[in-house]
C-alpha atoms as a PDB file:
ATOM      1  CA  UNK A   1       0.000   0.000   0.000  1.00  0.00           C
ATOM      2  CA  UNK A   2       2.836   2.393   0.876  1.00  0.00           C
ATOM      3  CA  UNK A   3       4.531   1.832  -2.480  1.00  0.00           C
ATOM      4  CA  UNK A   4       1.392   2.419  -4.537  1.00  0.00           C
ATOM      5  CA  UNK A   5       0.563   5.527  -2.517  1.00  0.00           C
ATOM      6  CA  UNK A   6       4.014   6.955  -3.113  1.00  0.00           C
ATOM      7  CA  UNK A   7       3.848   6.151  -6.837  1.00  0.00           C
ATOM      8  CA  UNK A   8       0.569   8.052  -7.080  1.00  0.00           C
ATOM      9  CA  UNK A   9       2.049  11.007  -5.207  1.00  0.00           C
ATOM     10  CA  UNK A  10       5.311  11.256  -7.112  1.00  0.00           C
ATOM     11  CA  UNK A  11       4.615   9.671 -10.476  1.00  0.00           C
ATOM     12  CA  UNK A  12       6.366   6.564 -11.776  1.00  0.00           C
ATOM     13  CA  UNK A  13       9.556   8.239 -12.963  1.00  0.00           C
ATOM     14  CA  UNK A  14      10.237  10.252  -9.806  1.00  0.00           C
ATOM     15  CA  UNK A  15       9.275   7.316  -7.606  1.00  0.00           C
ATOM     16  CA  UNK A  16      11.732   5.028  -9.394  1.00  0.00           C
ATOM     17  CA  UNK A  17      14.531   7.550  -8.924  1.00  0.00           C
ATOM     18  CA  UNK A  18      13.819   8.133  -5.225  1.00  0.00           C
ATOM     19  CA  UNK A  19      13.301   4.427  -4.544  1.00  0.00           C
ATOM     20  CA  UNK A  20      16.802   3.703  -5.831  1.00  0.00           C
ATOM     21  CA  UNK A  21      18.255   6.333  -3.494  1.00  0.00           C
ATOM     22  CA  UNK A  22      16.351   4.870  -0.550  1.00  0.00           C
ATOM     23  CA  UNK A  23      17.529   1.323  -1.231  1.00  0.00           C
ATOM     24  CA  UNK A  24      21.146   2.502  -1.305  1.00  0.00           C
ATOM     25  CA  UNK A  25      20.674   4.175   2.089  1.00  0.00           C
ATOM     26  CA  UNK A  26      19.111   1.189   3.877  1.00  0.00           C
ATOM     27  CA  UNK A  27      20.762   0.414   7.203  1.00  0.00           C
ATOM     28  CA  UNK A  28      19.805  -1.152  10.560  1.00  0.00           C
ATOM     29  CA  UNK A  29      18.945   2.311  11.880  1.00  0.00           C
ATOM     30  CA  UNK A  30      17.195   3.425   8.693  1.00  0.00           C
ATOM     31  CA  UNK A  31      15.075   0.587   7.269  1.00  0.00           C
ATOM     32  CA  UNK A  32      13.421   0.920   3.887  1.00  0.00           C
ATOM     33  CA  UNK A  33       9.886   0.758   5.278  1.00  0.00           C
ATOM     34  CA  UNK A  34      10.554   3.685   7.599  1.00  0.00           C
ATOM     35  CA  UNK A  35      11.927   5.770   4.720  1.00  0.00           C
ATOM     36  CA  UNK A  36       8.893   4.989   2.574  1.00  0.00           C
ATOM     37  CA  UNK A  37       6.467   5.879   5.350  1.00  0.00           C
ATOM     38  CA  UNK A  38       8.218   9.172   6.030  1.00  0.00           C
ATOM     39  CA  UNK A  39       8.211  10.010   2.322  1.00  0.00           C
ATOM     40  CA  UNK A  40       4.478   9.195   2.010  1.00  0.00           C
ATOM     41  CA  UNK A  41       3.874  11.553   4.949  1.00  0.00           C
ATOM     42  CA  UNK A  42       5.475  14.333   2.893  1.00  0.00           C
ATOM     43  CA  UNK A  43       8.971  14.555   4.361  1.00  0.00           C
ATOM     44  CA  UNK A  44      11.510  15.559   1.690  1.00  0.00           C
ATOM     45  CA  UNK A  45      13.815  12.759   0.582  1.00  0.00           C
ATOM     46  CA  UNK A  46      16.921  14.820   1.399  1.00  0.00           C
ATOM     47  CA  UNK A  47      15.977  14.981   5.079  1.00  0.00           C
ATOM     48  CA  UNK A  48      15.185  11.276   5.151  1.00  0.00           C
ATOM     49  CA  UNK A  49      18.565  10.370   3.656  1.00  0.00           C
ATOM     50  CA  UNK A  50      20.342  13.035   5.714  1.00  0.00           C
ATOM     51  CA  UNK A  51      22.486  14.204   2.832  1.00  0.00           C
ATOM     52  CA  UNK A  52      22.457  15.543  -0.710  1.00  0.00           C
ATOM     53  CA  UNK A  53      25.033  15.690  -3.521  1.00  0.00           C
ATOM     54  CA  UNK A  54      26.140  19.244  -4.245  1.00  0.00           C
ATOM     55  CA  UNK A  55      28.727  19.360  -6.998  1.00  0.00           C
ATOM     56  CA  UNK A  56      31.466  16.913  -5.920  1.00  0.00           C
ATOM     57  CA  UNK A  57      30.427  17.269  -2.271  1.00  0.00           C
ATOM     58  CA  UNK A  58      27.977  15.323  -0.146  1.00  0.00           C
ATOM     59  CA  UNK A  59      26.217  17.911   2.002  1.00  0.00           C
ATOM     60  CA  UNK A  60      24.774  16.817   5.332  1.00  0.00           C
ATOM     61  CA  UNK A  61      21.123  17.813   5.824  1.00  0.00           C
ATOM     62  CA  UNK A  62      18.453  17.866   8.486  1.00  0.00           C
ATOM     63  CA  UNK A  63      15.242  19.790   9.002  1.00  0.00           C
ATOM     64  CA  UNK A  64      14.595  22.721   9.248  1.00  0.00           C
ATOM     65  CA  UNK A  65      17.745  23.920   7.424  1.00  0.00           C
ATOM     66  CA  UNK A  66      16.940  24.820   3.813  1.00  0.00           C
ATOM     67  CA  UNK A  67      17.521  22.100   1.219  1.00  0.00           C
ATOM     68  CA  UNK A  68      20.013  23.295  -1.440  1.00  0.00           C
ATOM     69  CA  UNK A  69      18.374  23.615  -4.865  1.00  0.00           C
ATOM     70  CA  UNK A  70      19.890  22.484  -8.196  1.00  0.00           C
ATOM     71  CA  UNK A  71      19.976  26.041  -9.551  1.00  0.00           C
ATOM     72  CA  UNK A  72      22.081  27.106  -6.561  1.00  0.00           C
ATOM     73  CA  UNK A  73      24.524  24.288  -7.290  1.00  0.00           C
ATOM     74  CA  UNK A  74      24.776  25.342 -10.955  1.00  0.00           C
ATOM     75  CA  UNK A  75      25.251  29.000 -10.049  1.00  0.00           C
ATOM     76  CA  UNK A  76      27.979  28.204  -7.490  1.00  0.00           C
ATOM     77  CA  UNK A  77      29.883  26.031  -9.982  1.00  0.00           C
ATOM     78  CA  UNK A  78      29.744  28.806 -12.587  1.00  0.00           C
ATOM     79  CA  UNK A  79      31.041  31.311 -10.058  1.00  0.00           C
ATOM     80  CA  UNK A  80      33.911  29.003  -9.080  1.00  0.00           C
ATOM     81  CA  UNK A  81      34.866  28.624 -12.750  1.00  0.00           C
ATOM     82  CA  UNK A  82      34.978  32.394 -13.213  1.00  0.00           C
ATOM     83  CA  UNK A  83      37.044  32.879 -10.073  1.00  0.00           C
ATOM     84  CA  UNK A  84      39.464  30.132 -11.111  1.00  0.00           C
ATOM     85  CA  UNK A  85      40.040  31.860 -14.457  1.00  0.00           C
ATOM     86  CA  UNK A  86      41.173  35.098 -12.799  1.00  0.00           C
ATOM     87  CA  UNK A  87      44.655  35.182 -11.267  1.00  0.00           C
ATOM     88  CA  UNK A  88      45.006  36.619  -7.766  1.00  0.00           C
ATOM     89  CA  UNK A  89      47.984  37.125  -5.517  1.00  0.00           C
ATOM     90  CA  UNK A  90      46.298  36.607  -2.134  1.00  0.00           C
ATOM     91  CA  UNK A  91      43.442  34.538  -0.706  1.00  0.00           C
ATOM     92  CA  UNK A  92      40.018  35.873  -1.665  1.00  0.00           C
ATOM     93  CA  UNK A  93      37.803  36.992   1.206  1.00  0.00           C
ATOM     94  CA  UNK A  94      34.280  35.613   0.831  1.00  0.00           C
ATOM     95  CA  UNK A  95      31.063  36.327   2.750  1.00  0.00           C
ATOM     96  CA  UNK A  96      27.984  34.124   2.329  1.00  0.00           C
ATOM     97  CA  UNK A  97      24.765  35.714   3.611  1.00  0.00           C
ATOM     98  CA  UNK A  98      22.209  33.227   4.949  1.00  0.00           C
ATOM     99  CA  UNK A  99      24.597  30.318   4.563  1.00  0.00           C
ATOM    100  CA  UNK A 100      22.227  27.497   5.574  1.00  0.00           C
ATOM    101  CA  UNK A 101      24.125  24.227   5.114  1.00  0.00           C
ATOM    102  CA  UNK A 102      27.211  26.171   4.018  1.00  0.00           C
ATOM    103  CA  UNK A 103      26.858  24.604   0.571  1.00  0.00           C
ATOM    104  CA  UNK A 104      27.805  27.664  -1.522  1.00  0.00           C
ATOM    105  CA  UNK A 105      31.109  28.606   0.164  1.00  0.00           C
ATOM    106  CA  UNK A 106      32.045  24.962   0.725  1.00  0.00           C
ATOM    107  CA  UNK A 107      31.544  24.123  -2.943  1.00  0.00           C
ATOM    108  CA  UNK A 108      33.574  27.132  -4.054  1.00  0.00           C
ATOM    109  CA  UNK A 109      36.314  26.256  -1.544  1.00  0.00           C
ATOM    110  CA  UNK A 110      36.398  22.704  -2.902  1.00  0.00           C
ATOM    111  CA  UNK A 111      36.684  23.810  -6.532  1.00  0.00           C
ATOM    112  CA  UNK A 112      39.380  26.467  -6.150  1.00  0.00           C
ATOM    113  CA  UNK A 113      43.096  25.839  -5.518  1.00  0.00           C
ATOM    114  CA  UNK A 114      44.204  25.346  -1.897  1.00  0.00           C
ATOM    115  CA  UNK A 115      44.905  28.558  -0.030  1.00  0.00           C
ATOM    116  CA  UNK A 116      42.900  30.742  -2.418  1.00  0.00           C
ATOM    117  CA  UNK A 117      39.713  31.385  -0.366  1.00  0.00           C
ATOM    118  CA  UNK A 118      38.913  32.449   3.183  1.00  0.00           C
ATOM    119  CA  UNK A 119      35.134  32.164   3.547  1.00  0.00           C
ATOM    120  CA  UNK A 120      32.684  33.112   6.275  1.00  0.00           C
ATOM    121  CA  UNK A 121      29.022  32.152   6.269  1.00  0.00           C
ATOM    122  CA  UNK A 122      26.447  33.843   8.479  1.00  0.00           C
ATOM    123  CA  UNK A 123      22.945  32.727   9.362  1.00  0.00           C
ATOM    124  CA  UNK A 124      20.339  33.769  11.921  1.00  0.00           C
ATOM    125  CA  UNK A 125      19.459  30.115  12.547  1.00  0.00           C
ATOM    126  CA  UNK A 126      21.378  28.310  15.264  1.00  0.00           C
ATOM    127  CA  UNK A 127      20.533  24.991  13.580  1.00  0.00           C
ATOM    128  CA  UNK A 128      21.979  26.226  10.290  1.00  0.00           C
ATOM    129  CA  UNK A 129      25.224  27.440  11.851  1.00  0.00           C
ATOM    130  CA  UNK A 130      25.696  24.108  13.607  1.00  0.00           C
ATOM    131  CA  UNK A 131      25.007  22.147  10.416  1.00  0.00           C
ATOM    132  CA  UNK A 132      27.284  24.355   8.301  1.00  0.00           C
ATOM    133  CA  UNK A 133      30.072  23.821  10.844  1.00  0.00           C
ATOM    134  CA  UNK A 134      29.555  20.054  10.642  1.00  0.00           C
ATOM    135  CA  UNK A 135      29.651  20.216   6.845  1.00  0.00           C
ATOM    136  CA  UNK A 136      32.876  22.208   6.961  1.00  0.00           C
ATOM    137  CA  UNK A 137      34.474  19.435   9.020  1.00  0.00           C
ATOM    138  CA  UNK A 138      33.111  16.710   6.729  1.00  0.00           C
ATOM    139  CA  UNK A 139      33.903  18.358   3.413  1.00  0.00           C
ATOM    140  CA  UNK A 140      37.464  19.459   4.307  1.00  0.00           C
ATOM    141  CA  UNK A 141      37.803  22.492   2.003  1.00  0.00           C
ATOM    142  CA  UNK A 142      41.245  21.406   0.666  1.00  0.00           C
ATOM    143  CA  UNK A 143      43.462  24.121   2.119  1.00  0.00           C
ATOM    144  CA  UNK A 144      40.785  26.798   1.954  1.00  0.00           C
ATOM    145  CA  UNK A 145      38.985  27.962   5.083  1.00  0.00           C
ATOM    146  CA  UNK A 146      35.299  28.241   5.953  1.00  0.00           C
ATOM    147  CA  UNK A 147      33.594  29.078   9.211  1.00  0.00           C
ATOM    148  CA  UNK A 148      29.964  29.687  10.098  1.00  0.00           C
ATOM    149  CA  UNK A 149      28.826  32.485  12.419  1.00  0.00           C
ATOM    150  CA  UNK A 150      25.403  33.190  13.876  1.00  0.00           C
ATOM    151  CA  UNK A 151      24.351  36.708  12.890  1.00  0.00           C
ATOM    152  CA  UNK A 152      21.698  38.628  10.966  1.00  0.00           C
ATOM    153  CA  UNK A 153      22.701  40.722   7.997  1.00  0.00           C
ATOM    154  CA  UNK A 154      19.383  42.540   8.396  1.00  0.00           C
ATOM    155  CA  UNK A 155      20.867  44.163  11.494  1.00  0.00           C
ATOM    156  CA  UNK A 156      21.865  47.746  10.588  1.00  0.00           C
ATOM    157  CA  UNK A 157      24.973  47.338  12.765  1.00  0.00           C
ATOM    158  CA  UNK A 158      26.202  44.234  10.920  1.00  0.00           C
ATOM    159  CA  UNK A 159      29.005  43.254  10.948  1.00  0.00           C
ATOM    160  CA  UNK A 160      29.614  43.621  14.683  1.00  0.00           C
ATOM    161  CA  UNK A 161      33.332  43.736  15.557  1.00  0.00           C
ATOM    162  CA  UNK A 162      32.975  40.839  18.013  1.00  0.00           C
ATOM    163  CA  UNK A 163      31.813  38.528  15.206  1.00  0.00           C
ATOM    164  CA  UNK A 164      35.245  38.464  13.646  1.00  0.00           C
ATOM    165  CA  UNK A 165      33.674  39.343  10.297  1.00  0.00           C
ATOM    166  CA  UNK A 166      35.811  42.041   8.733  1.00  0.00           C
ATOM    167  CA  UNK A 167      34.939  43.856   5.493  1.00  0.00           C
ATOM    168  CA  UNK A 168      35.778  44.533   2.764  1.00  0.00           C
ATOM    169  CA  UNK A 169      35.041  41.248   1.003  1.00  0.00           C
ATOM    170  CA  UNK A 170      36.144  40.217  -2.465  1.00  0.00           C
ATOM    171  CA  UNK A 171      33.084  37.988  -2.924  1.00  0.00           C
ATOM    172  CA  UNK A 172      29.618  38.278  -1.410  1.00  0.00           C
ATOM    173  CA  UNK A 173      27.223  35.432  -2.145  1.00  0.00           C
ATOM    174  CA  UNK A 174      23.690  34.670  -1.040  1.00  0.00           C
ATOM    175  CA  UNK A 175      20.661  32.575  -1.809  1.00  0.00           C
ATOM    176  CA  UNK A 176      18.306  34.804   0.179  1.00  0.00           C
ATOM    177  CA  UNK A 177      14.663  34.183   1.065  1.00  0.00           C
ATOM    178  CA  UNK A 178      12.617  35.382  -1.906  1.00  0.00           C
ATOM    179  CA  UNK A 179       9.129  33.915  -1.510  1.00  0.00           C
ATOM    180  CA  UNK A 180       6.356  36.508  -1.210  1.00  0.00           C
ATOM    181  CA  UNK A 181       3.495  36.050   1.228  1.00  0.00           C
ATOM    182  CA  UNK A 182       1.112  35.017  -1.556  1.00  0.00           C
ATOM    183  CA  UNK A 183       3.614  32.505  -2.942  1.00  0.00           C
ATOM    184  CA  UNK A 184       4.377  31.162   0.524  1.00  0.00           C
ATOM    185  CA  UNK A 185       0.742  30.288   1.119  1.00  0.00           C
ATOM    186  CA  UNK A 186       0.755  28.312  -2.139  1.00  0.00           C
ATOM    187  CA  UNK A 187       3.798  26.161  -1.318  1.00  0.00           C
ATOM    188  CA  UNK A 188       3.393  22.454  -0.741  1.00  0.00           C
ATOM    189  CA  UNK A 189       3.327  21.126   2.807  1.00  0.00           C
ATOM    190  CA  UNK A 190       6.531  19.202   2.116  1.00  0.00           C
ATOM    191  CA  UNK A 191       8.181  22.634   2.076  1.00  0.00           C
ATOM    192  CA  UNK A 192       6.253  24.576   4.711  1.00  0.00           C
ATOM    193  CA  UNK A 193       6.102  21.706   7.226  1.00  0.00           C
ATOM    194  CA  UNK A 194       9.823  20.921   7.123  1.00  0.00           C
ATOM    195  CA  UNK A 195      11.887  23.892   5.919  1.00  0.00           C
ATOM    196  CA  UNK A 196      12.513  26.973   8.049  1.00  0.00           C
ATOM    197  CA  UNK A 197      10.146  29.783   6.958  1.00  0.00           C
ATOM    198  CA  UNK A 198      12.928  32.272   7.752  1.00  0.00           C
ATOM    199  CA  UNK A 199      14.882  30.762   4.863  1.00  0.00           C
ATOM    200  CA  UNK A 200      11.905  31.030   2.490  1.00  0.00           C
ATOM    201  CA  UNK A 201       9.733  34.055   3.248  1.00  0.00           C
ATOM    202  CA  UNK A 202      11.200  37.268   1.845  1.00  0.00           C
ATOM    203  CA  UNK A 203       8.552  39.730   2.976  1.00  0.00           C
ATOM    204  CA  UNK A 204       5.285  40.877   1.395  1.00  0.00           C
ATOM    205  CA  UNK A 205       6.753  41.071  -2.114  1.00  0.00           C
ATOM    206  CA  UNK A 206       9.653  38.672  -1.562  1.00  0.00           C
ATOM    207  CA  UNK A 207      12.276  41.409  -1.986  1.00  0.00           C
ATOM    208  CA  UNK A 208      13.099  42.409   1.595  1.00  0.00           C
ATOM    209  CA  UNK A 209      16.421  40.578   1.672  1.00  0.00           C
ATOM    210  CA  UNK A 210      17.438  41.880  -1.744  1.00  0.00           C
ATOM    211  CA  UNK A 211      16.959  45.429  -0.490  1.00  0.00           C
ATOM    212  CA  UNK A 212      19.056  44.549   2.560  1.00  0.00           C
ATOM    213  CA  UNK A 213      21.865  43.096   0.441  1.00  0.00           C
ATOM    214  CA  UNK A 214      21.833  46.134  -1.861  1.00  0.00           C
ATOM    215  CA  UNK A 215      22.040  48.474   1.131  1.00  0.00           C
ATOM    216  CA  UNK A 216      24.899  46.444   2.609  1.00  0.00           C
ATOM    217  CA  UNK A 217      26.803  46.447  -0.681  1.00  0.00           C
ATOM    218  CA  UNK A 218      26.378  50.173  -1.272  1.00  0.00           C
ATOM    219  CA  UNK A 219      27.030  51.265   2.299  1.00  0.00           C
ATOM    220  CA  UNK A 220      23.591  52.872   2.683  1.00  0.00           C
ATOM    221  CA  UNK A 221      22.493  50.934   5.756  1.00  0.00           C
ATOM    222  CA  UNK A 222      22.848  53.871   8.142  1.00  0.00           C
ATOM    223  CA  UNK A 223      20.449  55.869   5.958  1.00  0.00           C
ATOM    224  CA  UNK A 224      17.930  53.035   6.042  1.00  0.00           C
ATOM    225  CA  UNK A 225      17.768  52.461   9.801  1.00  0.00           C
ATOM    226  CA  UNK A 226      13.972  52.647  10.033  1.00  0.00           C
ATOM    227  CA  UNK A 227      13.637  50.185   7.169  1.00  0.00           C
ATOM    228  CA  UNK A 228      15.941  47.620   8.812  1.00  0.00           C
ATOM    229  CA  UNK A 229      14.311  48.114  12.203  1.00  0.00           C
ATOM    230  CA  UNK A 230      11.021  47.129  10.560  1.00  0.00           C
ATOM    231  CA  UNK A 231      12.553  43.994   9.052  1.00  0.00           C
ATOM    232  CA  UNK A 232      13.962  42.912  12.389  1.00  0.00           C
ATOM    233  CA  UNK A 233      10.587  43.019  14.169  1.00  0.00           C
END
């Protein structure tokens, strides 16, 4: 019954793909039946398996930290290729805003030569910072450095000196929340029930975090104090 229910939910092609992944992950602590039941209940496969390929890396995952999307993987690989094609005489300083699993800076660190990147990822979520730190230890960025720090880049005073986050940065990356309120209410329960809404909801029109990033990049945060105070509430 569980199999037929899942086939009807996912379709034959997607079911076949996910079923293969589940069978490879079977273990005494993660039996196939349990995985199938969790998937039928709507839990994303990535959380069930506890990991996801991201470029050459295997990124550790658990709810509610945002699941990396394929377009983010493609974008990060393209960025790494562009950076690799440009010679530099010192390590590049990188800041990842809303780092989540740490997938973006960790992938870039893994694709660039050793000693060429010093990356910092920030996230408001304690769960995300812990997971990103675990991924940094697991993925071993081959001579490049990555650390995760709990902070909010919506804070007008960011970066605080005690964070150890020192501008300027050569590279600023982000996959910010961009879902508007209307779009958020239309998302499937497999998203809203498991993924952190703070990593999805980008304000009434979905653009709040883009405005924040633009203000950070242009140095106009002090002139927008009331705006950022509103975002922080």
